[in-house]
Amino acid sequence: MDISPAARRLIFGLIVCALLGLGAYLIGPVALGAGNPAARHGSPAKPAVLRPSAPANATPRGLPDIYQWLPFTPAGLAAAASVVVKFGDAYGSYSYTENAPAYVAPIVPMTSAQLVSQIEAAYSVPGVASARVSAKQVAVGTAMIGSIRAFGPTSLTFLVQVSQEITDSTGRSQQTTDYAVTVTGSGTSWQVTDVELASAGNS
């Protein structure tokens, strides 16, 4: 169904409000990914994310069913968000003992081949890699979705905060970075196809 830009903006505003105010009905709370690759560094596994707390078609009485205007269902949105959180956990977790293929291995099943290659190349940049090894850096990433930035018929872009607990030869520190993560797909099948700093765009 074709909708005008003004209608799309209105619908988007309704989505944001509904997701913030009605999260308990539609998609449940965002938690940490069960598949967190941090477990390979000795950290405990995290619980699964975005479990729907109500039937997929549940709508609070007196409120419109916004999904009739959207190209995805509550179950599809929850599945996309789960992929994004698992990706963020893995993206923010690494060890100086890992080479690039080992680092990207956890994200391969949920990420496009092109993006995997780009991430692997970035991880292998000589200056970055040597600094990671010399400092004996180990990072454990935890991702949390803040909002939806944009959506289309086959894509969703989430704003995601990735918090890292970093251990190196000087001690421990924490770092938080905001990313825009885009997934493409349909139904409950989604794949990460782009990741950028939130300030850089990816909308």
N, C-alpha and C. Protein backbone atom coordinates (compact mmCIF):
# COMPACT_ATOMS: atom_id res chain seq x y z
N MET A 1 0.85 -1.20 0.00
CA MET A 1 0.00 0.00 0.00
C MET A 1 0.88 1.24 0.00
N ASP A 2 0.67 2.19 -0.92
CA ASP A 2 1.44 3.42 -0.99
C ASP A 2 0.88 4.43 0.00
N ILE A 3 1.79 5.06 0.72
CA ILE A 3 1.36 6.11 1.65
C ILE A 3 2.22 7.34 1.41
N SER A 4 1.66 8.51 1.69
CA SER A 4 2.37 9.75 1.46
C SER A 4 3.45 9.94 2.51
N PRO A 5 4.44 10.81 2.22
CA PRO A 5 5.47 11.11 3.22
C PRO A 5 4.89 11.61 4.54
N ALA A 6 3.86 12.45 4.46
CA ALA A 6 3.26 12.96 5.69
C ALA A 6 2.63 11.84 6.50
N ALA A 7 1.94 10.93 5.79
CA ALA A 7 1.32 9.80 6.49
C ALA A 7 2.38 8.90 7.10
N ARG A 8 3.49 8.71 6.36
CA ARG A 8 4.58 7.87 6.90
C ARG A 8 5.16 8.47 8.18
N ARG A 9 5.33 9.82 8.18
CA ARG A 9 5.85 10.46 9.39
C ARG A 9 4.88 10.30 10.55
N LEU A 10 3.58 10.43 10.27
CA LEU A 10 2.57 10.27 11.31
C LEU A 10 2.60 8.85 11.87
N ILE A 11 2.67 7.88 10.96
CA ILE A 11 2.71 6.48 11.39
C ILE A 11 3.95 6.21 12.21
N PHE A 12 5.07 6.76 11.75
CA PHE A 12 6.32 6.55 12.49
C PHE A 12 6.22 7.11 13.91
N GLY A 13 5.62 8.30 14.04
CA GLY A 13 5.43 8.88 15.36
C GLY A 13 4.56 8.00 16.24
N LEU A 14 3.50 7.45 15.64
CA LEU A 14 2.63 6.53 16.39
C LEU A 14 3.40 5.29 16.84
N ILE A 15 4.28 4.81 15.97
CA ILE A 15 5.06 3.61 16.33
C ILE A 15 5.93 3.89 17.54
N VAL A 16 6.66 5.01 17.48
CA VAL A 16 7.55 5.34 18.59
C VAL A 16 6.78 5.45 19.90
N CYS A 17 5.66 6.18 19.86
CA CYS A 17 4.86 6.33 21.08
C CYS A 17 4.33 4.99 21.56
N ALA A 18 3.85 4.20 20.62
CA ALA A 18 3.27 2.90 21.01
C ALA A 18 4.33 1.97 21.58
N LEU A 19 5.50 1.96 20.97
CA LEU A 19 6.55 1.07 21.46
C LEU A 19 7.03 1.49 22.84
N LEU A 20 7.07 2.79 23.08
CA LEU A 20 7.51 3.27 24.40
C LEU A 20 6.45 3.01 25.46
N GLY A 21 5.20 3.30 25.11
CA GLY A 21 4.14 3.21 26.11
C GLY A 21 3.52 1.85 26.26
N LEU A 22 3.63 1.03 25.21
CA LEU A 22 2.92 -0.25 25.22
C LEU A 22 3.86 -1.43 25.04
N GLY A 23 5.11 -1.25 25.39
CA GLY A 23 6.10 -2.32 25.21
C GLY A 23 5.71 -3.60 25.91
N ALA A 24 5.09 -3.48 27.08
CA ALA A 24 4.70 -4.68 27.83
C ALA A 24 3.66 -5.51 27.10
N TYR A 25 2.83 -4.81 26.28
CA TYR A 25 1.80 -5.54 25.53
C TYR A 25 2.32 -6.11 24.23
N LEU A 26 3.20 -5.35 23.55
CA LEU A 26 3.54 -5.71 22.18
C LEU A 26 4.77 -6.58 22.05
N ILE A 27 5.90 -6.16 22.63
CA ILE A 27 7.12 -6.93 22.41
C ILE A 27 7.86 -7.28 23.67
N GLY A 28 7.45 -6.80 24.81
CA GLY A 28 8.13 -7.17 26.05
C GLY A 28 9.39 -6.36 26.23
N PRO A 29 10.05 -6.54 27.37
CA PRO A 29 11.26 -5.77 27.69
C PRO A 29 12.46 -6.24 26.88
N VAL A 30 13.38 -5.33 26.61
CA VAL A 30 14.64 -5.69 25.97
C VAL A 30 15.61 -6.15 27.05
N ALA A 31 16.11 -7.35 26.91
CA ALA A 31 17.10 -7.87 27.84
C ALA A 31 18.37 -8.17 27.07
N LEU A 32 19.27 -8.91 27.68
CA LEU A 32 20.54 -9.21 27.05
C LEU A 32 20.46 -10.51 26.29
N GLY A 33 21.24 -10.63 25.21
CA GLY A 33 21.17 -11.79 24.35
C GLY A 33 21.69 -13.04 24.99
N ALA A 34 20.96 -14.15 24.81
CA ALA A 34 21.39 -15.43 25.35
C ALA A 34 22.61 -15.94 24.64
N GLY A 35 22.80 -15.53 23.38
CA GLY A 35 23.92 -16.03 22.62
C GLY A 35 25.14 -15.14 22.72
N ASN A 36 25.28 -14.37 23.76
CA ASN A 36 26.39 -13.45 23.92
C ASN A 36 27.71 -14.18 23.80
N PRO A 37 28.57 -13.77 22.82
CA PRO A 37 29.84 -14.44 22.65
C PRO A 37 30.79 -14.16 23.79
N ALA A 38 30.40 -13.30 24.72
CA ALA A 38 31.26 -13.04 25.87
C ALA A 38 31.49 -14.31 26.67
N ALA A 39 30.60 -15.29 26.51
CA ALA A 39 30.77 -16.54 27.25
C ALA A 39 32.09 -17.21 26.90
N ARG A 40 32.60 -16.92 25.70
CA ARG A 40 33.86 -17.55 25.33
C ARG A 40 35.02 -16.93 26.10
N HIS A 41 34.76 -15.77 26.76
CA HIS A 41 35.78 -15.15 27.58
C HIS A 41 35.58 -15.46 29.06
N GLY A 42 34.66 -16.34 29.35
CA GLY A 42 34.45 -16.75 30.74
C GLY A 42 33.34 -16.02 31.44
N SER A 43 32.61 -15.16 30.74
CA SER A 43 31.51 -14.43 31.36
C SER A 43 30.25 -15.27 31.27
N PRO A 44 29.32 -15.13 32.24
CA PRO A 44 28.10 -15.92 32.21
C PRO A 44 27.22 -15.54 31.04
N ALA A 45 26.45 -16.50 30.57
CA ALA A 45 25.53 -16.25 29.47
C ALA A 45 24.43 -15.31 29.91
N LYS A 46 23.88 -14.58 28.97
CA LYS A 46 22.84 -13.61 29.27
C LYS A 46 21.49 -14.18 28.86
N PRO A 47 20.39 -13.71 29.48
CA PRO A 47 19.06 -14.21 29.12
C PRO A 47 18.65 -13.75 27.74
N ALA A 48 17.67 -14.42 27.16
CA ALA A 48 17.20 -14.10 25.82
C ALA A 48 16.51 -12.75 25.80
N VAL A 49 16.29 -12.22 24.60
CA VAL A 49 15.78 -10.87 24.48
C VAL A 49 14.39 -10.82 23.85
N LEU A 50 13.70 -9.73 24.16
CA LEU A 50 12.46 -9.38 23.49
C LEU A 50 11.48 -10.52 23.37
N ARG A 51 11.10 -11.07 24.48
CA ARG A 51 10.07 -12.12 24.46
C ARG A 51 8.70 -11.46 24.51
N PRO A 52 7.85 -11.73 23.55
CA PRO A 52 6.51 -11.13 23.60
C PRO A 52 5.78 -11.55 24.87
N SER A 53 5.18 -10.57 25.55
CA SER A 53 4.48 -10.85 26.79
C SER A 53 2.97 -10.99 26.57
N ALA A 54 2.56 -10.89 25.30
CA ALA A 54 1.14 -11.03 24.98
C ALA A 54 1.04 -11.67 23.61
N PRO A 55 -0.12 -12.21 23.24
CA PRO A 55 -0.28 -12.77 21.91
C PRO A 55 0.09 -11.77 20.83
N ALA A 56 0.54 -12.27 19.69
CA ALA A 56 1.06 -11.39 18.63
C ALA A 56 0.03 -10.38 18.17
N ASN A 57 -1.24 -10.69 18.25
CA ASN A 57 -2.26 -9.76 17.76
C ASN A 57 -2.94 -8.98 18.88
N ALA A 58 -2.36 -9.03 20.07
CA ALA A 58 -2.99 -8.35 21.21
C ALA A 58 -2.84 -6.84 21.07
N THR A 59 -3.92 -6.10 21.28
CA THR A 59 -3.92 -4.65 21.26
C THR A 59 -4.74 -4.16 22.44
N PRO A 60 -4.17 -3.24 23.27
CA PRO A 60 -4.93 -2.72 24.41
C PRO A 60 -6.26 -2.13 23.97
N ARG A 61 -7.27 -2.34 24.77
CA ARG A 61 -8.62 -1.88 24.44
C ARG A 61 -8.64 -0.37 24.22
N GLY A 62 -9.29 0.06 23.17
CA GLY A 62 -9.45 1.48 22.88
C GLY A 62 -8.32 2.08 22.08
N LEU A 63 -7.27 1.30 21.80
CA LEU A 63 -6.14 1.82 21.03
C LEU A 63 -6.10 1.16 19.66
N PRO A 64 -5.64 1.90 18.64
CA PRO A 64 -5.61 1.33 17.29
C PRO A 64 -4.52 0.27 17.16
N ASP A 65 -4.75 -0.69 16.30
CA ASP A 65 -3.74 -1.70 15.99
C ASP A 65 -2.82 -1.11 14.94
N ILE A 66 -1.70 -0.53 15.38
CA ILE A 66 -0.80 0.17 14.44
C ILE A 66 -0.19 -0.78 13.42
N TYR A 67 -0.16 -2.07 13.73
CA TYR A 67 0.48 -3.01 12.80
C TYR A 67 -0.30 -3.18 11.50
N GLN A 68 -1.57 -2.74 11.46
CA GLN A 68 -2.31 -2.81 10.21
C GLN A 68 -1.75 -1.82 9.19
N TRP A 69 -0.94 -0.86 9.66
CA TRP A 69 -0.35 0.13 8.77
C TRP A 69 1.12 -0.15 8.46
N LEU A 70 1.66 -1.19 9.05
CA LEU A 70 3.10 -1.42 8.97
C LEU A 70 3.44 -2.67 8.16
N PRO A 71 4.66 -2.70 7.60
CA PRO A 71 5.06 -3.86 6.79
C PRO A 71 5.64 -5.01 7.60
N PHE A 72 5.37 -5.03 8.92
CA PHE A 72 5.84 -6.13 9.76
C PHE A 72 4.84 -6.37 10.89
N THR A 73 4.94 -7.52 11.50
CA THR A 73 4.05 -7.91 12.58
C THR A 73 4.76 -7.75 13.92
N PRO A 74 4.03 -7.85 15.04
CA PRO A 74 4.71 -7.84 16.34
C PRO A 74 5.77 -8.92 16.45
N ALA A 75 5.45 -10.13 15.95
CA ALA A 75 6.43 -11.22 16.00
C ALA A 75 7.64 -10.90 15.13
N GLY A 76 7.40 -10.29 13.98
CA GLY A 76 8.51 -9.91 13.11
C GLY A 76 9.39 -8.85 13.74
N LEU A 77 8.77 -7.87 14.39
CA LEU A 77 9.53 -6.83 15.07
C LEU A 77 10.37 -7.42 16.19
N ALA A 78 9.77 -8.32 16.97
CA ALA A 78 10.51 -8.94 18.07
C ALA A 78 11.69 -9.76 17.54
N ALA A 79 11.47 -10.48 16.43
CA ALA A 79 12.56 -11.28 15.85
C ALA A 79 13.68 -10.38 15.35
N ALA A 80 13.33 -9.29 14.69
CA ALA A 80 14.35 -8.36 14.19
C ALA A 80 15.15 -7.76 15.35
N ALA A 81 14.46 -7.37 16.40
CA ALA A 81 15.13 -6.78 17.55
C ALA A 81 16.05 -7.79 18.23
N SER A 82 15.63 -9.04 18.30
CA SER A 82 16.46 -10.08 18.91
C SER A 82 17.76 -10.26 18.14
N VAL A 83 17.66 -10.26 16.81
CA VAL A 83 18.86 -10.37 15.98
C VAL A 83 19.80 -9.20 16.23
N VAL A 84 19.24 -8.00 16.33
CA VAL A 84 20.05 -6.80 16.54
C VAL A 84 20.78 -6.85 17.88
N VAL A 85 20.10 -7.29 18.92
CA VAL A 85 20.74 -7.35 20.24
C VAL A 85 21.86 -8.39 20.26
N LYS A 86 21.59 -9.56 19.67
CA LYS A 86 22.64 -10.59 19.61
C LYS A 86 23.84 -10.11 18.80
N PHE A 87 23.56 -9.42 17.71
CA PHE A 87 24.65 -8.86 16.91
C PHE A 87 25.46 -7.86 17.73
N GLY A 88 24.75 -6.96 18.42
CA GLY A 88 25.44 -5.94 19.22
C GLY A 88 26.30 -6.53 20.31
N ASP A 89 25.80 -7.59 20.97
CA ASP A 89 26.60 -8.27 22.00
C ASP A 89 27.90 -8.79 21.40
N ALA A 90 27.79 -9.46 20.24
CA ALA A 90 28.97 -10.05 19.60
C ALA A 90 29.90 -8.98 19.04
N TYR A 91 29.32 -7.95 18.45
CA TYR A 91 30.11 -6.88 17.85
C TYR A 91 30.97 -6.18 18.91
N GLY A 92 30.45 -6.07 20.12
CA GLY A 92 31.19 -5.38 21.17
C GLY A 92 32.09 -6.27 22.00
N SER A 93 32.13 -7.56 21.69
CA SER A 93 32.92 -8.51 22.48
C SER A 93 34.09 -9.03 21.66
N TYR A 94 35.28 -8.96 22.23
CA TYR A 94 36.47 -9.47 21.53
C TYR A 94 37.57 -9.78 22.54
N SER A 95 38.58 -10.46 22.06
CA SER A 95 39.75 -10.77 22.88
C SER A 95 41.00 -10.62 22.04
N TYR A 96 42.06 -10.13 22.66
CA TYR A 96 43.33 -9.96 21.95
C TYR A 96 43.87 -11.29 21.44
N THR A 97 43.38 -12.39 21.98
CA THR A 97 43.84 -13.71 21.55
C THR A 97 43.15 -14.18 20.28
N GLU A 98 42.11 -13.47 19.84
CA GLU A 98 41.34 -13.88 18.67
C GLU A 98 41.86 -13.22 17.40
N ASN A 99 41.94 -14.00 16.34
CA ASN A 99 42.19 -13.39 15.03
C ASN A 99 40.84 -12.94 14.46
N ALA A 100 40.88 -12.30 13.30
CA ALA A 100 39.65 -11.75 12.73
C ALA A 100 38.58 -12.80 12.45
N PRO A 101 38.92 -13.94 11.85
CA PRO A 101 37.87 -14.95 11.61
C PRO A 101 37.20 -15.43 12.90
N ALA A 102 37.97 -15.57 13.98
CA ALA A 102 37.39 -16.00 15.25
C ALA A 102 36.48 -14.92 15.83
N TYR A 103 36.88 -13.66 15.66
CA TYR A 103 36.06 -12.56 16.18
C TYR A 103 34.71 -12.49 15.48
N VAL A 104 34.70 -12.65 14.15
CA VAL A 104 33.43 -12.50 13.41
C VAL A 104 32.59 -13.77 13.40
N ALA A 105 33.15 -14.88 13.84
CA ALA A 105 32.42 -16.16 13.77
C ALA A 105 31.02 -16.09 14.39
N PRO A 106 30.83 -15.47 15.57
CA PRO A 106 29.49 -15.45 16.17
C PRO A 106 28.46 -14.65 15.37
N ILE A 107 28.91 -13.67 14.57
CA ILE A 107 27.94 -12.85 13.84
C ILE A 107 27.64 -13.38 12.44
N VAL A 108 28.44 -14.34 11.95
CA VAL A 108 28.27 -14.83 10.59
C VAL A 108 26.84 -15.33 10.32
N PRO A 109 26.21 -16.11 11.22
CA PRO A 109 24.87 -16.63 10.92
C PRO A 109 23.79 -15.56 10.80
N MET A 110 24.02 -14.37 11.36
CA MET A 110 22.98 -13.34 11.40
C MET A 110 23.34 -12.09 10.60
N THR A 111 24.43 -12.15 9.82
CA THR A 111 24.95 -10.96 9.17
C THR A 111 25.25 -11.24 7.70
N SER A 112 25.02 -10.25 6.84
CA SER A 112 25.31 -10.42 5.42
C SER A 112 26.80 -10.65 5.22
N ALA A 113 27.13 -11.40 4.17
CA ALA A 113 28.53 -11.72 3.89
C ALA A 113 29.35 -10.46 3.65
N GLN A 114 28.76 -9.48 2.97
CA GLN A 114 29.48 -8.24 2.71
C GLN A 114 29.83 -7.50 4.00
N LEU A 115 28.88 -7.43 4.92
CA LEU A 115 29.15 -6.73 6.17
C LEU A 115 30.15 -7.51 7.03
N VAL A 116 30.07 -8.83 7.03
CA VAL A 116 31.05 -9.64 7.76
C VAL A 116 32.46 -9.33 7.26
N SER A 117 32.62 -9.24 5.94
CA SER A 117 33.93 -8.95 5.37
C SER A 117 34.43 -7.57 5.80
N GLN A 118 33.53 -6.60 5.85
CA GLN A 118 33.91 -5.24 6.26
C GLN A 118 34.34 -5.22 7.73
N ILE A 119 33.60 -5.92 8.58
CA ILE A 119 33.93 -5.95 10.00
C ILE A 119 35.25 -6.68 10.22
N GLU A 120 35.44 -7.76 9.50
CA GLU A 120 36.68 -8.53 9.62
C GLU A 120 37.89 -7.68 9.21
N ALA A 121 37.73 -6.92 8.14
CA ALA A 121 38.81 -6.06 7.68
C ALA A 121 39.13 -4.97 8.69
N ALA A 122 38.08 -4.37 9.28
CA ALA A 122 38.29 -3.33 10.28
C ALA A 122 38.99 -3.87 11.51
N TYR A 123 38.64 -5.09 11.90
CA TYR A 123 39.26 -5.71 13.08
C TYR A 123 40.74 -5.98 12.84
N SER A 124 41.11 -6.19 11.57
CA SER A 124 42.47 -6.57 11.23
C SER A 124 43.38 -5.40 10.90
N VAL A 125 42.88 -4.17 10.93
CA VAL A 125 43.73 -3.01 10.64
C VAL A 125 44.97 -3.07 11.51
N PRO A 126 46.17 -3.03 10.91
CA PRO A 126 47.41 -3.27 11.66
C PRO A 126 47.57 -2.46 12.94
N GLY A 127 47.34 -1.15 12.87
CA GLY A 127 47.53 -0.33 14.06
C GLY A 127 46.57 -0.69 15.18
N VAL A 128 45.31 -0.94 14.82
CA VAL A 128 44.29 -1.30 15.81
C VAL A 128 44.59 -2.68 16.39
N ALA A 129 44.92 -3.63 15.53
CA ALA A 129 45.19 -4.99 15.99
C ALA A 129 46.41 -5.05 16.90
N SER A 130 47.48 -4.34 16.54
CA SER A 130 48.69 -4.39 17.36
C SER A 130 48.47 -3.73 18.72
N ALA A 131 47.67 -2.66 18.75
CA ALA A 131 47.37 -2.00 20.02
C ALA A 131 46.54 -2.92 20.91
N ARG A 132 45.61 -3.64 20.31
CA ARG A 132 44.77 -4.57 21.07
C ARG A 132 45.62 -5.68 21.69
N VAL A 133 46.56 -6.20 20.91
CA VAL A 133 47.40 -7.29 21.39
C VAL A 133 48.39 -6.80 22.44
N SER A 134 49.03 -5.66 22.20
CA SER A 134 50.03 -5.18 23.14
C SER A 134 49.42 -4.83 24.49
N ALA A 135 48.16 -4.37 24.47
CA ALA A 135 47.49 -4.02 25.73
C ALA A 135 46.76 -5.20 26.35
N LYS A 136 46.76 -6.35 25.62
CA LYS A 136 46.05 -7.54 26.10
C LYS A 136 44.58 -7.23 26.41
N GLN A 137 43.91 -6.63 25.45
CA GLN A 137 42.54 -6.18 25.64
C GLN A 137 41.53 -7.32 25.48
N VAL A 138 40.58 -7.35 26.39
CA VAL A 138 39.42 -8.24 26.30
C VAL A 138 38.19 -7.39 26.58
N ALA A 139 37.21 -7.44 25.70
CA ALA A 139 35.99 -6.64 25.88
C ALA A 139 34.77 -7.54 25.90
N VAL A 140 33.84 -7.22 26.79
CA VAL A 140 32.55 -7.90 26.87
C VAL A 140 31.47 -6.88 26.53
N GLY A 141 30.77 -7.11 25.44
CA GLY A 141 29.76 -6.16 24.98
C GLY A 141 28.35 -6.54 25.40
N THR A 142 27.57 -5.53 25.72
CA THR A 142 26.16 -5.70 26.07
C THR A 142 25.35 -4.67 25.28
N ALA A 143 24.43 -5.14 24.45
CA ALA A 143 23.66 -4.25 23.58
C ALA A 143 22.25 -4.04 24.12
N MET A 144 21.76 -2.82 23.94
CA MET A 144 20.39 -2.49 24.33
C MET A 144 19.79 -1.56 23.28
N ILE A 145 18.62 -1.92 22.80
CA ILE A 145 17.94 -1.09 21.81
C ILE A 145 17.28 0.10 22.48
N GLY A 146 17.50 1.28 21.90
CA GLY A 146 16.87 2.49 22.42
C GLY A 146 15.61 2.86 21.68
N SER A 147 15.62 2.71 20.35
CA SER A 147 14.46 3.10 19.56
C SER A 147 14.62 2.59 18.13
N ILE A 148 13.56 2.79 17.35
CA ILE A 148 13.61 2.54 15.91
C ILE A 148 13.87 3.87 15.22
N ARG A 149 14.89 3.89 14.38
CA ARG A 149 15.19 5.12 13.65
C ARG A 149 14.39 5.21 12.35
N ALA A 150 14.29 4.10 11.64
CA ALA A 150 13.62 4.11 10.35
C ALA A 150 13.13 2.71 10.01
N PHE A 151 12.18 2.64 9.07
CA PHE A 151 11.71 1.33 8.61
C PHE A 151 11.21 1.46 7.18
N GLY A 152 11.20 0.33 6.50
CA GLY A 152 10.68 0.26 5.14
C GLY A 152 10.03 -1.10 4.95
N PRO A 153 9.62 -1.42 3.73
CA PRO A 153 8.94 -2.69 3.49
C PRO A 153 9.75 -3.92 3.88
N THR A 154 11.09 -3.83 3.75
CA THR A 154 11.93 -4.99 4.05
C THR A 154 13.10 -4.65 4.96
N SER A 155 13.03 -3.55 5.67
CA SER A 155 14.16 -3.17 6.52
C SER A 155 13.71 -2.44 7.77
N LEU A 156 14.52 -2.54 8.79
CA LEU A 156 14.33 -1.81 10.05
C LEU A 156 15.69 -1.32 10.52
N THR A 157 15.76 -0.09 10.96
CA THR A 157 17.00 0.44 11.52
C THR A 157 16.76 0.81 12.97
N PHE A 158 17.53 0.19 13.85
CA PHE A 158 17.42 0.41 15.29
C PHE A 158 18.59 1.26 15.78
N LEU A 159 18.32 2.11 16.75
CA LEU A 159 19.39 2.77 17.48
C LEU A 159 19.74 1.88 18.67
N VAL A 160 21.01 1.51 18.75
CA VAL A 160 21.46 0.52 19.73
C VAL A 160 22.64 1.07 20.53
N GLN A 161 22.55 0.92 21.83
CA GLN A 161 23.66 1.31 22.71
C GLN A 161 24.45 0.05 23.08
N VAL A 162 25.73 0.05 22.75
CA VAL A 162 26.59 -1.07 23.08
C VAL A 162 27.55 -0.64 24.18
N SER A 163 27.40 -1.24 25.35
CA SER A 163 28.27 -0.97 26.49
C SER A 163 29.32 -2.06 26.55
N GLN A 164 30.57 -1.65 26.74
CA GLN A 164 31.67 -2.60 26.81
C GLN A 164 32.40 -2.49 28.15
N GLU A 165 32.66 -3.63 28.74
CA GLU A 165 33.55 -3.69 29.89
C GLU A 165 34.88 -4.20 29.36
N ILE A 166 35.89 -3.35 29.42
CA ILE A 166 37.18 -3.64 28.80
C ILE A 166 38.23 -3.91 29.87
N THR A 167 38.90 -5.02 29.73
CA THR A 167 40.01 -5.37 30.62
C THR A 167 41.28 -5.39 29.79
N ASP A 168 42.32 -4.70 30.29
CA ASP A 168 43.61 -4.74 29.60
C ASP A 168 44.73 -4.69 30.63
N SER A 169 45.93 -4.49 30.16
CA SER A 169 47.09 -4.54 31.05
C SER A 169 47.10 -3.43 32.08
N THR A 170 46.29 -2.39 31.89
CA THR A 170 46.24 -1.29 32.85
C THR A 170 45.09 -1.40 33.83
N GLY A 171 44.18 -2.36 33.63
CA GLY A 171 43.05 -2.53 34.54
C GLY A 171 41.74 -2.66 33.78
N ARG A 172 40.68 -2.12 34.36
CA ARG A 172 39.35 -2.22 33.76
C ARG A 172 38.78 -0.84 33.47
N SER A 173 37.99 -0.79 32.41
CA SER A 173 37.31 0.46 32.05
C SER A 173 36.01 0.12 31.35
N GLN A 174 35.16 1.12 31.20
CA GLN A 174 33.88 0.93 30.53
C GLN A 174 33.74 1.94 29.40
N GLN A 175 33.10 1.51 28.34
CA GLN A 175 32.90 2.37 27.17
C GLN A 175 31.52 2.10 26.60
N THR A 176 30.83 3.16 26.21
CA THR A 176 29.50 3.03 25.62
C THR A 176 29.46 3.75 24.29
N THR A 177 28.95 3.07 23.26
CA THR A 177 28.88 3.64 21.92
C THR A 177 27.48 3.42 21.35
N ASP A 178 26.95 4.44 20.70
CA ASP A 178 25.64 4.35 20.07
C ASP A 178 25.79 4.03 18.59
N TYR A 179 25.07 3.01 18.15
CA TYR A 179 25.12 2.59 16.75
C TYR A 179 23.74 2.62 16.14
N ALA A 180 23.70 2.74 14.82
CA ALA A 180 22.48 2.50 14.04
C ALA A 180 22.70 1.18 13.31
N VAL A 181 21.86 0.21 13.62
CA VAL A 181 22.00 -1.14 13.05
C VAL A 181 20.77 -1.43 12.19
N THR A 182 21.02 -1.78 10.94
CA THR A 182 19.94 -2.07 10.01
C THR A 182 19.84 -3.57 9.74
N VAL A 183 18.63 -4.08 9.82
CA VAL A 183 18.36 -5.46 9.44
C VAL A 183 17.42 -5.46 8.25
N THR A 184 17.58 -6.44 7.38
CA THR A 184 16.67 -6.60 6.25
C THR A 184 16.08 -8.00 6.28
N GLY A 185 14.88 -8.13 5.75
CA GLY A 185 14.23 -9.44 5.73
C GLY A 185 12.73 -9.28 5.74
N SER A 186 12.05 -10.29 6.26
CA SER A 186 10.59 -10.26 6.35
C SER A 186 10.15 -11.32 7.34
N GLY A 187 8.91 -11.22 7.79
CA GLY A 187 8.39 -12.20 8.75
C GLY A 187 9.27 -12.22 9.99
N THR A 188 9.74 -13.41 10.34
CA THR A 188 10.62 -13.54 11.49
C THR A 188 12.05 -13.87 11.07
N SER A 189 12.37 -13.66 9.80
CA SER A 189 13.71 -13.93 9.27
C SER A 189 14.40 -12.61 8.92
N TRP A 190 15.46 -12.27 9.70
CA TRP A 190 16.14 -10.99 9.53
C TRP A 190 17.65 -11.19 9.55
N GLN A 191 18.34 -10.28 8.85
CA GLN A 191 19.79 -10.34 8.75
C GLN A 191 20.35 -8.92 8.87
N VAL A 192 21.43 -8.77 9.65
CA VAL A 192 22.06 -7.46 9.78
C VAL A 192 22.81 -7.16 8.48
N THR A 193 22.54 -5.99 7.91
CA THR A 193 23.17 -5.62 6.65
C THR A 193 23.98 -4.32 6.76
N ASP A 194 23.87 -3.61 7.85
CA ASP A 194 24.64 -2.37 7.99
C ASP A 194 24.75 -2.01 9.46
N VAL A 195 25.91 -1.46 9.82
CA VAL A 195 26.12 -0.91 11.16
C VAL A 195 26.99 0.33 11.03
N GLU A 196 26.54 1.40 11.65
CA GLU A 196 27.25 2.67 11.61
C GLU A 196 27.16 3.32 12.99
N LEU A 197 28.06 4.25 13.26
CA LEU A 197 27.87 5.07 14.44
C LEU A 197 26.55 5.81 14.29
N ALA A 198 25.80 5.90 15.35
CA ALA A 198 24.48 6.56 15.27
C ALA A 198 24.59 7.99 14.76
N SER A 199 25.67 8.65 15.09
CA SER A 199 25.86 10.04 14.65
C SER A 199 26.20 10.15 13.18
N ALA A 200 26.58 9.00 12.55
CA ALA A 200 27.00 9.03 11.14
C ALA A 200 25.83 8.86 10.19
N GLY A 201 24.69 8.37 10.68
CA GLY A 201 23.53 8.23 9.81
C GLY A 201 22.93 6.85 9.86
N ASN A 202 22.97 6.14 8.72
CA ASN A 202 22.36 4.82 8.61
C ASN A 202 20.86 4.89 8.85
N SER A 203 20.20 5.76 8.10
CA SER A 203 18.76 5.95 8.28
C SER A 203 17.98 5.50 7.05
